[in-house]
Structures are given as C-alpha cells and as structure tokens.
Amino acid sequence: MNAKQRGRVIRTGALAICAALALASCDSIGGRANQITYEGIPFKGKSKAIKGDRMSFVASAKPASRSIEGAIQAATYEGVKYCIARLGSSDITWQIGPDTPREQLVVQDDTLTFRGTCAE
C-alpha cells in the first residue's frame, strides 16, 4: 500500500469514528429533548394526542413529588409545544391544566397529567 492509499484509509477511518461519535451525541441530546429544569430540578415531560381527536391531548411531567410547581410548568410547556406543532398556535382550552386548583390536579405514579384541546 502506498502513502496515498494509506492516507485515504486513515481519513476513512477517522470519518467513521467522527460519524459514530456524532450519532452517540445525538442520542444523549435527544434524551434531554423532553426535559426542562425548574428551580434546578429536571422534569421530564411528554404529550400525546387523544385517540380519535388530534386537537385534544394529554400532557404529563414527572417527578411531581420534587416540586408540583415545576411539574406544572413542564406539563404546560409540553401542551404548548404540542399545539404549536399541530396548529401553529399556543392557545389551549384546558380541561385539567395550570389553572386547576392544586388539590384537584391528577398525580399518579409521581406523574402530573394535564388534558387540553388546541384552540384555533
């Protein structure tokens, strides 16, 4: 193998390593995509459509036991993010949401759950 071929092999190997590292970092970054921090506490949130009605959704956040206010912020954020992605608007009609009295909030398995409908 001449010097030119050896250089090509080294470059190809280096590119393969860089690609593998880039993919690995995407995974670790993606793991935090649904995470927000409130008063230094990380909260993981998610939202999903209610079956048969893409305008209505359920948004949740955990761990609610660390800070109910933080979980409320995270679940609200997930609801807003859902409606912006579906409708391009952050207007939400909440059935259970950030204005619901604290004693009426749904917390199960350390997860706070909101329910809302994207408003046009």
PDB file of N, CA and C in Angstrom:
ATOM      1  N   MET A   1       0.859  -1.168   0.000  1.00  0.00           N
ATOM      2  CA  MET A   1       0.000   0.000   0.000  1.00  0.00           C
ATOM      3  C   MET A   1       0.909   1.236   0.000  1.00  0.00           C
ATOM      4  N   ASN A   2       0.657   2.131  -0.903  1.00  0.00           N
ATOM      5  CA  ASN A   2       1.478   3.337  -0.973  1.00  0.00           C
ATOM      6  C   ASN A   2       0.959   4.406  -0.009  1.00  0.00           C
ATOM      7  N   ALA A   3       1.657   5.497   0.118  1.00  0.00           N
ATOM      8  CA  ALA A   3       1.333   6.558   1.070  1.00  0.00           C
ATOM      9  C   ALA A   3      -0.043   7.178   0.777  1.00  0.00           C
ATOM     10  N   LYS A   4      -0.365   7.303  -0.495  1.00  0.00           N
ATOM     11  CA  LYS A   4      -1.648   7.895  -0.879  1.00  0.00           C
ATOM     12  C   LYS A   4      -2.815   7.002  -0.420  1.00  0.00           C
ATOM     13  N   GLN A   5      -2.668   5.696  -0.628  1.00  0.00           N
ATOM     14  CA  GLN A   5      -3.717   4.759  -0.215  1.00  0.00           C
ATOM     15  C   GLN A   5      -3.826   4.715   1.306  1.00  0.00           C
ATOM     16  N   ARG A   6      -2.689   4.724   2.008  1.00  0.00           N
ATOM     17  CA  ARG A   6      -2.686   4.707   3.464  1.00  0.00           C
ATOM     18  C   ARG A   6      -3.400   5.957   3.999  1.00  0.00           C
ATOM     19  N   GLY A   7      -3.153   7.102   3.410  1.00  0.00           N
ATOM     20  CA  GLY A   7      -3.806   8.348   3.819  1.00  0.00           C
ATOM     21  C   GLY A   7      -5.310   8.280   3.637  1.00  0.00           C
ATOM     22  N   ARG A   8      -5.756   7.663   2.544  1.00  0.00           N
ATOM     23  CA  ARG A   8      -7.186   7.510   2.270  1.00  0.00           C
ATOM     24  C   ARG A   8      -7.833   6.602   3.314  1.00  0.00           C
ATOM     25  N   VAL A   9      -7.140   5.504   3.689  1.00  0.00           N
ATOM     26  CA  VAL A   9      -7.659   4.573   4.703  1.00  0.00           C
ATOM     27  C   VAL A   9      -7.771   5.278   6.053  1.00  0.00           C
ATOM     28  N   ILE A  10      -6.765   6.058   6.403  1.00  0.00           N
ATOM     29  CA  ILE A  10      -6.780   6.782   7.678  1.00  0.00           C
ATOM     30  C   ILE A  10      -7.915   7.803   7.701  1.00  0.00           C
ATOM     31  N   ARG A  11      -8.101   8.544   6.599  1.00  0.00           N
ATOM     32  CA  ARG A  11      -9.194   9.521   6.527  1.00  0.00           C
ATOM     33  C   ARG A  11     -10.550   8.841   6.635  1.00  0.00           C
ATOM     34  N   THR A  12     -10.709   7.714   5.950  1.00  0.00           N
ATOM     35  CA  THR A  12     -11.981   6.985   6.005  1.00  0.00           C
ATOM     36  C   THR A  12     -12.257   6.508   7.425  1.00  0.00           C
ATOM     37  N   GLY A  13     -11.235   5.979   8.078  1.00  0.00           N
ATOM     38  CA  GLY A  13     -11.392   5.530   9.467  1.00  0.00           C
ATOM     39  C   GLY A  13     -11.741   6.675  10.396  1.00  0.00           C
ATOM     40  N   ALA A  14     -11.066   7.808  10.210  1.00  0.00           N
ATOM     41  CA  ALA A  14     -11.337   8.979  11.045  1.00  0.00           C
ATOM     42  C   ALA A  14     -12.760   9.482  10.836  1.00  0.00           C
ATOM     43  N   LEU A  15     -13.216   9.496   9.586  1.00  0.00           N
ATOM     44  CA  LEU A  15     -14.595   9.912   9.309  1.00  0.00           C
ATOM     45  C   LEU A  15     -15.605   8.959   9.946  1.00  0.00           C
ATOM     46  N   ALA A  16     -15.326   7.673   9.913  1.00  0.00           N
ATOM     47  CA  ALA A  16     -16.224   6.686  10.523  1.00  0.00           C
ATOM     48  C   ALA A  16     -16.315   6.903  12.035  1.00  0.00           C
ATOM     49  N   ILE A  17     -15.181   7.178  12.662  1.00  0.00           N
ATOM     50  CA  ILE A  17     -15.179   7.440  14.105  1.00  0.00           C
ATOM     51  C   ILE A  17     -15.952   8.718  14.421  1.00  0.00           C
ATOM     52  N   CYS A  18     -15.743   9.758  13.638  1.00  0.00           N
ATOM     53  CA  CYS A  18     -16.469  11.016  13.845  1.00  0.00           C
ATOM     54  C   CYS A  18     -17.976  10.819  13.682  1.00  0.00           C
ATOM     55  N   ALA A  19     -18.376  10.055  12.682  1.00  0.00           N
ATOM     56  CA  ALA A  19     -19.803   9.785  12.466  1.00  0.00           C
ATOM     57  C   ALA A  19     -20.386   9.024  13.651  1.00  0.00           C
ATOM     58  N   ALA A  20     -19.661   8.038  14.155  1.00  0.00           N
ATOM     59  CA  ALA A  20     -20.144   7.262  15.304  1.00  0.00           C
ATOM     60  C   ALA A  20     -20.284   8.156  16.538  1.00  0.00           C
ATOM     61  N   LEU A  21     -19.327   9.028  16.761  1.00  0.00           N
ATOM     62  CA  LEU A  21     -19.407   9.951  17.895  1.00  0.00           C
ATOM     63  C   LEU A  21     -20.566  10.923  17.736  1.00  0.00           C
ATOM     64  N   ALA A  22     -20.794  11.397  16.534  1.00  0.00           N
ATOM     65  CA  ALA A  22     -21.912  12.317  16.283  1.00  0.00           C
ATOM     66  C   ALA A  22     -23.243  11.635  16.567  1.00  0.00           C
ATOM     67  N   LEU A  23     -23.385  10.406  16.132  1.00  0.00           N
ATOM     68  CA  LEU A  23     -24.623   9.672  16.399  1.00  0.00           C
ATOM     69  C   LEU A  23     -24.812   9.426  17.880  1.00  0.00           C
ATOM     70  N   ALA A  24     -23.747   9.098  18.576  1.00  0.00           N
ATOM     71  CA  ALA A  24     -23.832   8.872  20.018  1.00  0.00           C
ATOM     72  C   ALA A  24     -24.245  10.142  20.744  1.00  0.00           C
ATOM     73  N   SER A  25     -23.720  11.282  20.322  1.00  0.00           N
ATOM     74  CA  SER A  25     -24.088  12.533  20.975  1.00  0.00           C
ATOM     75  C   SER A  25     -25.530  12.917  20.666  1.00  0.00           C
ATOM     76  N   CYS A  26     -26.019  12.583  19.496  1.00  0.00           N
ATOM     77  CA  CYS A  26     -27.427  12.855  19.174  1.00  0.00           C
ATOM     78  C   CYS A  26     -28.336  12.105  20.124  1.00  0.00           C
ATOM     79  N   ASP A  27     -27.985  10.887  20.455  1.00  0.00           N
ATOM     80  CA  ASP A  27     -28.786  10.087  21.365  1.00  0.00           C
ATOM     81  C   ASP A  27     -28.822  10.721  22.748  1.00  0.00           C
ATOM     82  N   SER A  28     -27.667  11.177  23.231  1.00  0.00           N
ATOM     83  CA  SER A  28     -27.652  11.772  24.562  1.00  0.00           C
ATOM     84  C   SER A  28     -28.373  13.119  24.571  1.00  0.00           C
ATOM     85  N   ILE A  29     -28.281  13.882  23.502  1.00  0.00           N
ATOM     86  CA  ILE A  29     -29.001  15.150  23.412  1.00  0.00           C
ATOM     87  C   ILE A  29     -30.496  14.871  23.309  1.00  0.00           C
ATOM     88  N   GLY A  30     -30.884  13.909  22.493  1.00  0.00           N
ATOM     89  CA  GLY A  30     -32.292  13.565  22.326  1.00  0.00           C
ATOM     90  C   GLY A  30     -32.931  13.107  23.618  1.00  0.00           C
ATOM     91  N   GLY A  31     -32.140  12.510  24.497  1.00  0.00           N
ATOM     92  CA  GLY A  31     -32.656  12.065  25.779  1.00  0.00           C
ATOM     93  C   GLY A  31     -33.105  13.231  26.641  1.00  0.00           C
ATOM     94  N   ARG A  32     -32.611  14.421  26.384  1.00  0.00           N
ATOM     95  CA  ARG A  32     -32.973  15.602  27.148  1.00  0.00           C
ATOM     96  C   ARG A  32     -33.978  16.484  26.401  1.00  0.00           C
ATOM     97  N   ALA A  33     -34.422  16.037  25.253  1.00  0.00           N
ATOM     98  CA  ALA A  33     -35.317  16.856  24.438  1.00  0.00           C
ATOM     99  C   ALA A  33     -36.626  17.151  25.136  1.00  0.00           C
ATOM    100  N   ASN A  34     -37.112  16.247  25.944  1.00  0.00           N
ATOM    101  CA  ASN A  34     -38.381  16.422  26.634  1.00  0.00           C
ATOM    102  C   ASN A  34     -38.164  16.740  28.101  1.00  0.00           C
ATOM    103  N   GLN A  35     -37.051  17.407  28.409  1.00  0.00           N
ATOM    104  CA  GLN A  35     -36.728  17.710  29.788  1.00  0.00           C
ATOM    105  C   GLN A  35     -36.571  19.213  29.959  1.00  0.00           C
ATOM    106  N   ILE A  36     -37.214  19.745  30.997  1.00  0.00           N
ATOM    107  CA  ILE A  36     -36.999  21.144  31.345  1.00  0.00           C
ATOM    108  C   ILE A  36     -36.574  21.191  32.809  1.00  0.00           C
ATOM    109  N   THR A  37     -35.939  22.277  33.170  1.00  0.00           N
ATOM    110  CA  THR A  37     -35.477  22.446  34.542  1.00  0.00           C
ATOM    111  C   THR A  37     -36.249  23.578  35.190  1.00  0.00           C
ATOM    112  N   TYR A  38     -36.712  23.340  36.401  1.00  0.00           N
ATOM    113  CA  TYR A  38     -37.432  24.351  37.168  1.00  0.00           C
ATOM    114  C   TYR A  38     -36.767  24.427  38.534  1.00  0.00           C
ATOM    115  N   GLU A  39     -36.270  25.587  38.890  1.00  0.00           N
ATOM    116  CA  GLU A  39     -35.561  25.796  40.156  1.00  0.00           C
ATOM    117  C   GLU A  39     -34.481  24.733  40.366  1.00  0.00           C
ATOM    118  N   GLY A  40     -33.756  24.416  39.302  1.00  0.00           N
ATOM    119  CA  GLY A  40     -32.650  23.475  39.384  1.00  0.00           C
ATOM    120  C   GLY A  40     -33.038  22.011  39.358  1.00  0.00           C
ATOM    121  N   ILE A  41     -34.328  21.715  39.274  1.00  0.00           N
ATOM    122  CA  ILE A  41     -34.797  20.327  39.269  1.00  0.00           C
ATOM    123  C   ILE A  41     -35.211  19.960  37.849  1.00  0.00           C
ATOM    124  N   PRO A  42     -34.657  18.876  37.286  1.00  0.00           N
ATOM    125  CA  PRO A  42     -35.057  18.464  35.934  1.00  0.00           C
ATOM    126  C   PRO A  42     -36.404  17.723  35.958  1.00  0.00           C
ATOM    127  N   PHE A  43     -37.259  18.066  35.005  1.00  0.00           N
ATOM    128  CA  PHE A  43     -38.558  17.406  34.848  1.00  0.00           C
ATOM    129  C   PHE A  43     -38.652  16.857  33.441  1.00  0.00           C
ATOM    130  N   LYS A  44     -39.109  15.638  33.338  1.00  0.00           N
ATOM    131  CA  LYS A  44     -39.299  15.017  32.033  1.00  0.00           C
ATOM    132  C   LYS A  44     -40.779  15.109  31.686  1.00  0.00           C
ATOM    133  N   GLY A  45     -41.062  15.594  30.488  1.00  0.00           N
ATOM    134  CA  GLY A  45     -42.447  15.749  30.077  1.00  0.00           C
ATOM    135  C   GLY A  45     -42.704  15.086  28.744  1.00  0.00           C
ATOM    136  N   LYS A  46     -43.975  14.871  28.472  1.00  0.00           N
ATOM    137  CA  LYS A  46     -44.371  14.350  27.168  1.00  0.00           C
ATOM    138  C   LYS A  46     -45.820  14.722  26.916  1.00  0.00           C
ATOM    139  N   SER A  47     -46.204  14.637  25.651  1.00  0.00           N
ATOM    140  CA  SER A  47     -47.587  14.894  25.273  1.00  0.00           C
ATOM    141  C   SER A  47     -47.962  13.942  24.153  1.00  0.00           C
ATOM    142  N   LYS A  48     -49.253  13.636  24.101  1.00  0.00           N
ATOM    143  CA  LYS A  48     -49.733  12.778  23.021  1.00  0.00           C
ATOM    144  C   LYS A  48     -51.193  13.088  22.752  1.00  0.00           C
ATOM    145  N   ALA A  49     -51.578  12.805  21.523  1.00  0.00           N
ATOM    146  CA  ALA A  49     -52.965  13.048  21.104  1.00  0.00           C
ATOM    147  C   ALA A  49     -53.892  12.064  21.795  1.00  0.00           C
ATOM    148  N   ILE A  50     -55.113  12.513  21.988  1.00  0.00           N
ATOM    149  CA  ILE A  50     -56.148  11.613  22.482  1.00  0.00           C
ATOM    150  C   ILE A  50     -56.698  10.887  21.263  1.00  0.00           C
ATOM    151  N   LYS A  51     -56.799   9.595  21.347  1.00  0.00           N
ATOM    152  CA  LYS A  51     -57.206   8.774  20.210  1.00  0.00           C
ATOM    153  C   LYS A  51     -58.496   9.308  19.581  1.00  0.00           C
ATOM    154  N   GLY A  52     -58.440   9.514  18.279  1.00  0.00           N
ATOM    155  CA  GLY A  52     -59.603   9.960  17.518  1.00  0.00           C
ATOM    156  C   GLY A  52     -59.784  11.471  17.457  1.00  0.00           C
ATOM    157  N   ASP A  53     -58.917  12.234  18.158  1.00  0.00           N
ATOM    158  CA  ASP A  53     -59.055  13.683  18.167  1.00  0.00           C
ATOM    159  C   ASP A  53     -57.663  14.310  18.310  1.00  0.00           C
ATOM    160  N   ARG A  54     -57.028  14.624  17.187  1.00  0.00           N
ATOM    161  CA  ARG A  54     -55.659  15.141  17.205  1.00  0.00           C
ATOM    162  C   ARG A  54     -55.554  16.531  17.832  1.00  0.00           C
ATOM    163  N   MET A  55     -56.662  17.233  17.969  1.00  0.00           N
ATOM    164  CA  MET A  55     -56.635  18.551  18.598  1.00  0.00           C
ATOM    165  C   MET A  55     -56.592  18.437  20.128  1.00  0.00           C
ATOM    166  N   SER A  56     -57.077  17.332  20.658  1.00  0.00           N
ATOM    167  CA  SER A  56     -57.070  17.110  22.103  1.00  0.00           C
ATOM    168  C   SER A  56     -55.855  16.271  22.478  1.00  0.00           C
ATOM    169  N   PHE A  57     -55.302  16.544  23.641  1.00  0.00           N
ATOM    170  CA  PHE A  57     -54.065  15.888  24.038  1.00  0.00           C
ATOM    171  C   PHE A  57     -54.004  15.684  25.542  1.00  0.00           C
ATOM    172  N   VAL A  58     -53.073  14.867  25.939  1.00  0.00           N
ATOM    173  CA  VAL A  58     -52.705  14.672  27.331  1.00  0.00           C
ATOM    174  C   VAL A  58     -51.234  15.059  27.433  1.00  0.00           C
ATOM    175  N   ALA A  59     -50.906  15.895  28.405  1.00  0.00           N
ATOM    176  CA  ALA A  59     -49.521  16.298  28.648  1.00  0.00           C
ATOM    177  C   ALA A  59     -49.174  15.908  30.079  1.00  0.00           C
ATOM    178  N   SER A  60     -47.971  15.360  30.263  1.00  0.00           N
ATOM    179  CA  SER A  60     -47.586  14.935  31.595  1.00  0.00           C
ATOM    180  C   SER A  60     -46.153  15.335  31.903  1.00  0.00           C
ATOM    181  N   ALA A  61     -45.842  15.347  33.208  1.00  0.00           N
ATOM    182  CA  ALA A  61     -44.495  15.681  33.662  1.00  0.00           C
ATOM    183  C   ALA A  61     -44.225  14.961  34.977  1.00  0.00           C
ATOM    184  N   LYS A  62     -42.957  14.588  35.148  1.00  0.00           N
ATOM    185  CA  LYS A  62     -42.544  13.948  36.393  1.00  0.00           C
ATOM    186  C   LYS A  62     -41.110  14.335  36.707  1.00  0.00           C
ATOM    187  N   PRO A  63     -40.686  14.282  37.908  1.00  0.00           N
ATOM    188  CA  PRO A  63     -41.301  13.790  39.147  1.00  0.00           C
ATOM    189  C   PRO A  63     -42.075  14.902  39.871  1.00  0.00           C
ATOM    190  N   ALA A  64     -43.364  14.726  40.005  1.00  0.00           N
ATOM    191  CA  ALA A  64     -44.211  15.724  40.656  1.00  0.00           C
ATOM    192  C   ALA A  64     -43.883  15.858  42.135  1.00  0.00           C
ATOM    193  N   SER A  65     -43.349  14.824  42.750  1.00  0.00           N
ATOM    194  CA  SER A  65     -43.037  14.869  44.180  1.00  0.00           C
ATOM    195  C   SER A  65     -41.895  15.834  44.495  1.00  0.00           C
ATOM    196  N   ARG A  66     -41.053  16.125  43.536  1.00  0.00           N
ATOM    197  CA  ARG A  66     -39.925  17.045  43.766  1.00  0.00           C
ATOM    198  C   ARG A  66     -40.398  18.489  43.833  1.00  0.00           C
ATOM    199  N   SER A  67     -41.377  18.847  42.998  1.00  0.00           N
ATOM    200  CA  SER A  67     -41.933  20.200  43.003  1.00  0.00           C
ATOM    201  C   SER A  67     -43.181  20.189  42.141  1.00  0.00           C
ATOM    202  N   ILE A  68     -44.318  20.395  42.754  1.00  0.00           N
ATOM    203  CA  ILE A  68     -45.560  20.407  41.977  1.00  0.00           C
ATOM    204  C   ILE A  68     -45.560  21.595  41.023  1.00  0.00           C
ATOM    205  N   GLU A  69     -44.984  22.726  41.438  1.00  0.00           N
ATOM    206  CA  GLU A  69     -44.915  23.884  40.548  1.00  0.00           C
ATOM    207  C   GLU A  69     -44.036  23.594  39.334  1.00  0.00           C
ATOM    208  N   GLY A  70     -42.929  22.903  39.535  1.00  0.00           N
ATOM    209  CA  GLY A  70     -42.061  22.526  38.426  1.00  0.00           C
ATOM    210  C   GLY A  70     -42.754  21.574  37.472  1.00  0.00           C
ATOM    211  N   ALA A  71     -43.488  20.611  38.018  1.00  0.00           N
ATOM    212  CA  ALA A  71     -44.233  19.663  37.180  1.00  0.00           C
ATOM    213  C   ALA A  71     -45.325  20.392  36.394  1.00  0.00           C
ATOM    214  N   ILE A  72     -45.965  21.377  37.024  1.00  0.00           N
ATOM    215  CA  ILE A  72     -46.986  22.170  36.332  1.00  0.00           C
ATOM    216  C   ILE A  72     -46.359  22.922  35.156  1.00  0.00           C
ATOM    217  N   GLN A  73     -45.217  23.546  35.384  1.00  0.00           N
ATOM    218  CA  GLN A  73     -44.524  24.265  34.313  1.00  0.00           C
ATOM    219  C   GLN A  73     -44.141  23.326  33.170  1.00  0.00           C
ATOM    220  N   ALA A  74     -43.628  22.147  33.515  1.00  0.00           N
ATOM    221  CA  ALA A  74     -43.192  21.194  32.490  1.00  0.00           C
ATOM    222  C   ALA A  74     -44.376  20.657  31.689  1.00  0.00           C
ATOM    223  N   ALA A  75     -45.477  20.309  32.355  1.00  0.00           N
ATOM    224  CA  ALA A  75     -46.661  19.802  31.647  1.00  0.00           C
ATOM    225  C   ALA A  75     -47.283  20.890  30.776  1.00  0.00           C
ATOM    226  N   THR A  76     -47.299  22.126  31.271  1.00  0.00           N
ATOM    227  CA  THR A  76     -47.806  23.248  30.475  1.00  0.00           C
ATOM    228  C   THR A  76     -46.957  23.432  29.226  1.00  0.00           C
ATOM    229  N   TYR A  77     -45.656  23.395  29.391  1.00  0.00           N
ATOM    230  CA  TYR A  77     -44.732  23.514  28.265  1.00  0.00           C
ATOM    231  C   TYR A  77     -45.001  22.432  27.221  1.00  0.00           C
ATOM    232  N   GLU A  78     -45.213  21.206  27.667  1.00  0.00           N
ATOM    233  CA  GLU A  78     -45.483  20.105  26.733  1.00  0.00           C
ATOM    234  C   GLU A  78     -46.788  20.335  25.985  1.00  0.00           C
ATOM    235  N   GLY A  79     -47.810  20.851  26.657  1.00  0.00           N
ATOM    236  CA  GLY A  79     -49.073  21.150  25.989  1.00  0.00           C
ATOM    237  C   GLY A  79     -48.925  22.241  24.947  1.00  0.00           C
ATOM    238  N   VAL A  80     -48.213  23.290  25.304  1.00  0.00           N
ATOM    239  CA  VAL A  80     -47.976  24.392  24.359  1.00  0.00           C
ATOM    240  C   VAL A  80     -47.184  23.886  23.159  1.00  0.00           C
ATOM    241  N   LYS A  81     -46.152  23.115  23.424  1.00  0.00           N
ATOM    242  CA  LYS A  81     -45.327  22.561  22.345  1.00  0.00           C
ATOM    243  C   LYS A  81     -46.175  21.683  21.421  1.00  0.00           C
ATOM    244  N   TYR A  82     -47.073  20.893  21.992  1.00  0.00           N
ATOM    245  CA  TYR A  82     -47.954  20.027  21.197  1.00  0.00           C
ATOM    246  C   TYR A  82     -48.829  20.872  20.266  1.00  0.00           C
ATOM    247  N   CYS A  83     -49.462  21.911  20.800  1.00  0.00           N
ATOM    248  CA  CYS A  83     -50.377  22.718  19.986  1.00  0.00           C
ATOM    249  C   CYS A  83     -49.651  23.526  18.922  1.00  0.00           C
ATOM    250  N   ILE A  84     -48.477  24.011  19.239  1.00  0.00           N
ATOM    251  CA  ILE A  84     -47.706  24.732  18.228  1.00  0.00           C
ATOM    252  C   ILE A  84     -47.344  23.802  17.083  1.00  0.00           C
ATOM    253  N   ALA A  85     -46.972  22.583  17.405  1.00  0.00           N
ATOM    254  CA  ALA A  85     -46.608  21.617  16.360  1.00  0.00           C
ATOM    255  C   ALA A  85     -47.820  21.219  15.522  1.00  0.00           C
ATOM    256  N   ARG A  86     -48.996  21.111  16.122  1.00  0.00           N
ATOM    257  CA  ARG A  86     -50.188  20.650  15.405  1.00  0.00           C
ATOM    258  C   ARG A  86     -50.912  21.772  14.680  1.00  0.00           C
ATOM    259  N   LEU A  87     -50.960  22.953  15.328  1.00  0.00           N
ATOM    260  CA  LEU A  87     -51.823  24.019  14.823  1.00  0.00           C
ATOM    261  C   LEU A  87     -51.082  25.329  14.559  1.00  0.00           C
ATOM    262  N   GLY A  88     -49.885  25.429  15.096  1.00  0.00           N
ATOM    263  CA  GLY A  88     -49.135  26.669  14.937  1.00  0.00           C
ATOM    264  C   GLY A  88     -49.558  27.736  15.920  1.00  0.00           C
ATOM    265  N   SER A  89     -50.288  27.349  16.939  1.00  0.00           N
ATOM    266  CA  SER A  89     -50.776  28.297  17.938  1.00  0.00           C
ATOM    267  C   SER A  89     -50.568  27.711  19.338  1.00  0.00           C
ATOM    268  N   SER A  90     -50.344  28.588  20.302  1.00  0.00           N
ATOM    269  CA  SER A  90     -50.173  28.120  21.677  1.00  0.00           C
ATOM    270  C   SER A  90     -51.448  28.266  22.496  1.00  0.00           C
ATOM    271  N   ASP A  91     -52.557  28.595  21.834  1.00  0.00           N
ATOM    272  CA  ASP A  91     -53.830  28.748  22.538  1.00  0.00           C
ATOM    273  C   ASP A  91     -54.388  27.377  22.913  1.00  0.00           C
ATOM    274  N   ILE A  92     -54.711  27.215  24.198  1.00  0.00           N
ATOM    275  CA  ILE A  92     -55.187  25.922  24.704  1.00  0.00           C
ATOM    276  C   ILE A  92     -56.402  26.144  25.583  1.00  0.00           C
ATOM    277  N   THR A  93     -57.391  25.304  25.398  1.00  0.00           N
ATOM    278  CA  THR A  93     -58.506  25.225  26.323  1.00  0.00           C
ATOM    279  C   THR A  93     -58.200  24.024  27.218  1.00  0.00           C
ATOM    280  N   TRP A  94     -57.912  24.297  28.485  1.00  0.00           N
ATOM    281  CA  TRP A  94     -57.525  23.237  29.420  1.00  0.00           C
ATOM    282  C   TRP A  94     -58.752  22.656  30.111  1.00  0.00           C
ATOM    283  N   GLN A  95     -58.869  21.333  30.125  1.00  0.00           N
ATOM    284  CA  GLN A  95     -59.865  20.680  30.962  1.00  0.00           C
ATOM    285  C   GLN A  95     -59.264  20.485  32.362  1.00  0.00           C
ATOM    286  N   ILE A  96     -58.031  20.043  32.389  1.00  0.00           N
ATOM    287  CA  ILE A  96     -57.221  19.991  33.606  1.00  0.00           C
ATOM    288  C   ILE A  96     -55.891  20.612  33.214  1.00  0.00           C
ATOM    289  N   GLY A  97     -55.532  21.726  33.847  1.00  0.00           N
ATOM    290  CA  GLY A  97     -54.329  22.423  33.416  1.00  0.00           C
ATOM    291  C   GLY A  97     -53.728  23.284  34.500  1.00  0.00           C
ATOM    292  N   PRO A  98     -52.922  24.234  34.094  1.00  0.00           N
ATOM    293  CA  PRO A  98     -52.183  25.044  35.070  1.00  0.00           C
ATOM    294  C   PRO A  98     -53.060  25.886  35.994  1.00  0.00           C
ATOM    295  N   ASP A  99     -54.291  26.183  35.596  1.00  0.00           N
ATOM    296  CA  ASP A  99     -55.182  26.975  36.444  1.00  0.00           C
ATOM    297  C   ASP A  99     -56.077  26.116  37.332  1.00  0.00           C
ATOM    298  N   THR A 100     -55.985  24.808  37.187  1.00  0.00           N
ATOM    299  CA  THR A 100     -56.774  23.896  38.019  1.00  0.00           C
ATOM    300  C   THR A 100     -56.294  24.011  39.467  1.00  0.00           C
ATOM    301  N   PRO A 101     -57.225  24.093  40.437  1.00  0.00           N
ATOM    302  CA  PRO A 101     -56.799  24.145  41.843  1.00  0.00           C
ATOM    303  C   PRO A 101     -55.873  22.962  42.164  1.00  0.00           C
ATOM    304  N   ARG A 102     -54.818  23.247  42.934  1.00  0.00           N
ATOM    305  CA  ARG A 102     -53.783  22.245  43.222  1.00  0.00           C
ATOM    306  C   ARG A 102     -54.347  20.950  43.790  1.00  0.00           C
ATOM    307  N   GLU A 103     -55.373  21.046  44.627  1.00  0.00           N
ATOM    308  CA  GLU A 103     -55.946  19.828  45.236  1.00  0.00           C
ATOM    309  C   GLU A 103     -56.731  18.977  44.239  1.00  0.00           C
ATOM    310  N   GLN A 104     -57.044  19.523  43.058  1.00  0.00           N
ATOM    311  CA  GLN A 104     -57.777  18.783  42.035  1.00  0.00           C
ATOM    312  C   GLN A 104     -56.877  18.237  40.924  1.00  0.00           C
ATOM    313  N   LEU A 105     -55.577  18.499  41.000  1.00  0.00           N
ATOM    314  CA  LEU A 105     -54.655  18.014  39.970  1.00  0.00           C
ATOM    315  C   LEU A 105     -54.535  16.496  40.034  1.00  0.00           C
ATOM    316  N   VAL A 106     -54.316  15.901  38.875  1.00  0.00           N
ATOM    317  CA  VAL A 106     -54.178  14.458  38.779  1.00  0.00           C
ATOM    318  C   VAL A 106     -52.686  14.098  38.842  1.00  0.00           C
ATOM    319  N   VAL A 107     -52.291  13.452  39.950  1.00  0.00           N
ATOM    320  CA  VAL A 107     -50.916  12.979  40.109  1.00  0.00           C
ATOM    321  C   VAL A 107     -50.987  11.501  40.439  1.00  0.00           C
ATOM    322  N   GLN A 108     -50.393  10.701  39.565  1.00  0.00           N
ATOM    323  CA  GLN A 108     -50.382   9.252  39.759  1.00  0.00           C
ATOM    324  C   GLN A 108     -48.997   8.735  39.396  1.00  0.00           C
ATOM    325  N   ASP A 109     -48.445   7.880  40.216  1.00  0.00           N
ATOM    326  CA  ASP A 109     -47.099   7.342  40.000  1.00  0.00           C
ATOM    327  C   ASP A 109     -46.073   8.461  39.810  1.00  0.00           C
ATOM    328  N   ASP A 110     -46.203   9.521  40.625  1.00  0.00           N
ATOM    329  CA  ASP A 110     -45.283  10.660  40.609  1.00  0.00           C
ATOM    330  C   ASP A 110     -45.330  11.460  39.305  1.00  0.00           C
ATOM    331  N   THR A 111     -46.405  11.274  38.522  1.00  0.00           N
ATOM    332  CA  THR A 111     -46.560  11.961  37.241  1.00  0.00           C
ATOM    333  C   THR A 111     -47.803  12.843  37.272  1.00  0.00           C
ATOM    334  N   LEU A 112     -47.621  14.122  36.976  1.00  0.00           N
ATOM    335  CA  LEU A 112     -48.729  15.067  36.860  1.00  0.00           C
ATOM    336  C   LEU A 112     -49.263  14.998  35.442  1.00  0.00           C
ATOM    337  N   THR A 113     -50.589  14.924  35.296  1.00  0.00           N
ATOM    338  CA  THR A 113     -51.182  14.813  33.962  1.00  0.00           C
ATOM    339  C   THR A 113     -52.198  15.925  33.738  1.00  0.00           C
ATOM    340  N   PHE A 114     -52.050  16.618  32.623  1.00  0.00           N
ATOM    341  CA  PHE A 114     -52.991  17.639  32.175  1.00  0.00           C
ATOM    342  C   PHE A 114     -53.731  17.115  30.961  1.00  0.00           C
ATOM    343  N   ARG A 115     -54.884  17.737  30.706  1.00  0.00           N
ATOM    344  CA  ARG A 115     -55.657  17.402  29.496  1.00  0.00           C
ATOM    345  C   ARG A 115     -56.150  18.714  28.909  1.00  0.00           C
ATOM    346  N   GLY A 116     -55.989  18.838  27.580  1.00  0.00           N
ATOM    347  CA  GLY A 116     -56.396  20.079  26.933  1.00  0.00           C
ATOM    348  C   GLY A 116     -56.748  19.882  25.475  1.00  0.00           C
ATOM    349  N   THR A 117     -57.218  20.965  24.860  1.00  0.00           N
ATOM    350  CA  THR A 117     -57.562  20.977  23.442  1.00  0.00           C
ATOM    351  C   THR A 117     -56.947  22.222  22.817  1.00  0.00           C
ATOM    352  N   CYS A 118     -56.271  22.028  21.720  1.00  0.00           N
ATOM    353  CA  CYS A 118     -55.683  23.143  20.992  1.00  0.00           C
ATOM    354  C   CYS A 118     -56.817  24.002  20.431  1.00  0.00           C
ATOM    355  N   ALA A 119     -56.751  25.306  20.677  1.00  0.00           N
ATOM    356  CA  ALA A 119     -57.800  26.214  20.231  1.00  0.00           C
ATOM    357  C   ALA A 119     -57.344  26.969  18.990  1.00  0.00           C
ATOM    358  N   GLU A 120     -58.269  27.158  18.063  1.00  0.00           N
ATOM    359  CA  GLU A 120     -57.941  27.876  16.817  1.00  0.00           C
ATOM    360  C   GLU A 120     -58.120  29.359  16.987  1.00  0.00           C
TER     361      GLU A 120
END
